[in-house]
Protein backbone atom coordinates (compact mmCIF):
# COMPACT_ATOMS: atom_id res chain seq x y z
CA MET A 1 63.52 95.42 82.61
CA LYS A 2 62.93 97.29 85.72
CA TYR A 3 59.18 96.51 84.86
CA ALA A 4 59.80 92.79 84.86
CA PRO A 5 59.53 92.03 88.78
CA HIS A 6 56.06 93.74 88.24
CA ILE A 7 54.91 91.62 85.53
CA ALA A 8 55.99 88.26 87.39
CA SER A 9 54.64 89.11 90.94
CA LEU A 10 51.46 89.89 88.92
CA LEU A 11 51.60 86.73 87.01
CA LEU A 12 52.50 85.00 90.13
CA GLY A 13 50.16 86.65 92.83
CA GLY A 14 47.33 86.70 89.82
CA LEU A 15 48.05 82.61 89.42
CA PHE A 16 47.86 81.63 93.36
CA ILE A 17 44.90 84.14 93.73
CA MET A 18 42.83 82.81 90.98
CA SER A 19 43.41 78.93 92.00
CA ALA A 20 42.64 79.92 95.34
CA SER A 21 39.37 81.72 94.73
CA VAL A 22 38.12 79.07 92.75
CA VAL A 23 38.48 76.58 95.36
CA LEU A 24 37.23 78.88 98.20
CA LEU A 25 34.36 80.32 96.38
CA GLY A 26 33.31 76.99 94.86
CA MET A 27 33.50 78.09 91.15
CA ALA A 28 34.53 74.99 89.75
CA PRO A 29 32.88 70.81 90.67
CA THR A 30 35.61 69.21 92.43
CA PRO A 31 36.84 66.56 90.28
CA GLU A 32 36.35 62.72 90.42
CA LEU A 33 39.63 61.22 91.70
CA PRO A 34 40.72 57.78 90.35
CA LYS A 35 39.93 55.26 92.87
CA ASP A 36 42.68 53.22 94.53
CA THR A 37 45.55 55.81 93.53
CA PRO A 38 48.10 57.73 95.85
CA ILE A 39 46.01 61.17 94.57
CA ALA A 40 42.87 59.83 95.90
CA ALA A 41 44.45 58.48 99.23
CA PHE A 42 46.04 62.01 99.41
CA MET A 43 43.33 64.15 98.97
CA ALA A 44 41.06 61.45 101.35
CA ALA A 45 43.68 62.51 104.24
CA PHE A 46 43.74 66.03 103.54
CA GLY A 47 40.46 66.73 102.27
CA PRO A 48 38.08 66.25 105.32
CA THR A 49 40.11 67.83 107.52
CA GLY A 50 40.12 71.54 106.64
CA TYR A 51 43.55 71.23 105.60
CA MET A 52 43.23 72.35 102.01
CA THR A 53 40.90 75.26 102.91
CA PHE A 54 43.90 76.57 105.09
CA VAL A 55 46.32 76.05 102.19
CA LYS A 56 44.08 77.97 99.85
CA VAL A 57 43.59 80.66 102.26
CA LEU A 58 47.57 80.70 102.60
CA GLU A 59 47.86 81.13 98.90
CA MET A 60 45.05 83.93 98.81
CA LEU A 61 46.93 86.03 101.53
CA GLY A 62 50.40 84.90 99.77
CA GLY A 63 49.26 85.75 96.48
CA LEU A 64 47.68 89.52 97.57
CA LEU A 65 50.86 90.28 99.62
CA VAL A 66 53.40 88.96 96.49
CA LEU A 67 51.34 91.93 94.25
CA LEU A 68 52.45 94.91 96.38
CA PRO A 69 55.87 95.66 96.04
CA ARG A 70 56.32 96.53 99.59
CA THR A 71 54.76 93.05 101.01
CA ARG A 72 55.96 90.88 98.05
CA ASN A 73 59.16 88.87 100.30
CA VAL A 74 56.57 88.07 103.36
CA GLY A 75 53.88 86.86 100.45
CA LEU A 76 57.14 84.72 98.85
CA LEU A 77 57.62 83.77 102.77
CA ILE A 78 54.14 82.34 102.80
CA LEU A 79 53.93 81.14 99.15
CA GLY A 80 57.32 79.31 99.22
CA PRO A 81 56.67 76.38 101.28
CA ILE A 82 53.21 76.09 99.36
CA ILE A 83 55.27 75.91 96.12
CA VAL A 84 57.70 73.05 96.92
CA ASN A 85 54.59 71.07 98.60
CA ILE A 86 53.06 71.37 94.74
CA LEU A 87 56.22 70.55 93.13
CA ALA A 88 56.71 67.66 95.38
CA PHE A 89 52.91 66.16 95.02
CA HIS A 90 53.49 66.34 91.52
CA GLN A 91 56.59 64.40 91.97
CA PHE A 92 56.18 62.29 94.20
CA VAL A 93 52.33 61.34 94.64
CA ALA A 94 51.07 61.83 91.35
CA LYS A 95 54.22 61.08 89.56
CA ASP A 96 53.80 63.06 86.49
CA GLY A 97 56.94 65.33 87.27
CA ILE A 98 57.72 68.83 88.00
CA LEU A 99 58.46 69.99 84.12
CA GLN A 100 54.97 70.84 83.21
CA PRO A 101 54.41 74.11 81.88
CA MET A 102 52.43 76.12 85.04
CA LEU A 103 54.70 74.04 87.26
CA LEU A 104 58.14 75.43 85.61
CA GLY A 105 56.41 78.74 85.40
CA ILE A 106 55.23 78.71 89.35
CA GLY A 107 59.08 77.82 90.16
CA LEU A 108 60.84 79.90 87.50
CA LEU A 109 58.92 83.26 88.84
CA SER A 110 59.14 82.57 92.33
CA VAL A 111 63.21 81.91 92.00
CA TYR A 112 63.15 85.49 89.58
CA LEU A 113 61.16 87.26 92.21
CA LEU A 114 63.52 85.68 94.80
CA TRP A 115 66.86 86.59 92.86
CA VAL A 116 65.38 90.54 91.94
CA GLU A 117 64.96 90.48 96.22
CA ARG A 118 67.99 88.79 97.25
CA GLY A 119 69.42 92.46 98.87
CA ARG A 120 66.59 91.85 101.23
CA TRP A 121 66.83 88.24 101.99
CA LYS A 122 70.46 88.70 102.84
CA ALA A 123 69.11 90.53 105.71
CA LEU A 124 67.63 86.94 106.86
CA VAL A 125 70.70 85.15 106.92
CA SER A 126 73.57 87.35 107.66
């Protein structure tokens, strides 16, 4: 059990590093979005502004910080709002729900890491 937090942080950090690097380095083509859908409107609003690039840079930074045990909490602090927004996007914009395997994995890994580090987080709320 003492290796479980390291494995969880490796999975969570690696996932965010890979997804950010695919977008930042242009390793995959941008998928065609269905016209006149909430997803197309959402991406039309955020895509040209550079906001998504900013989010991807934060994902990369948060993923790298989560990998290191000393900076894991700072990484979780950066990734927390991003994870909430990913879940909210899938629930409210894409309307495909949050019970998808990848979304459940992201949520469970982050909640597990928060639980493991709960002693350090108590100092923030005390």
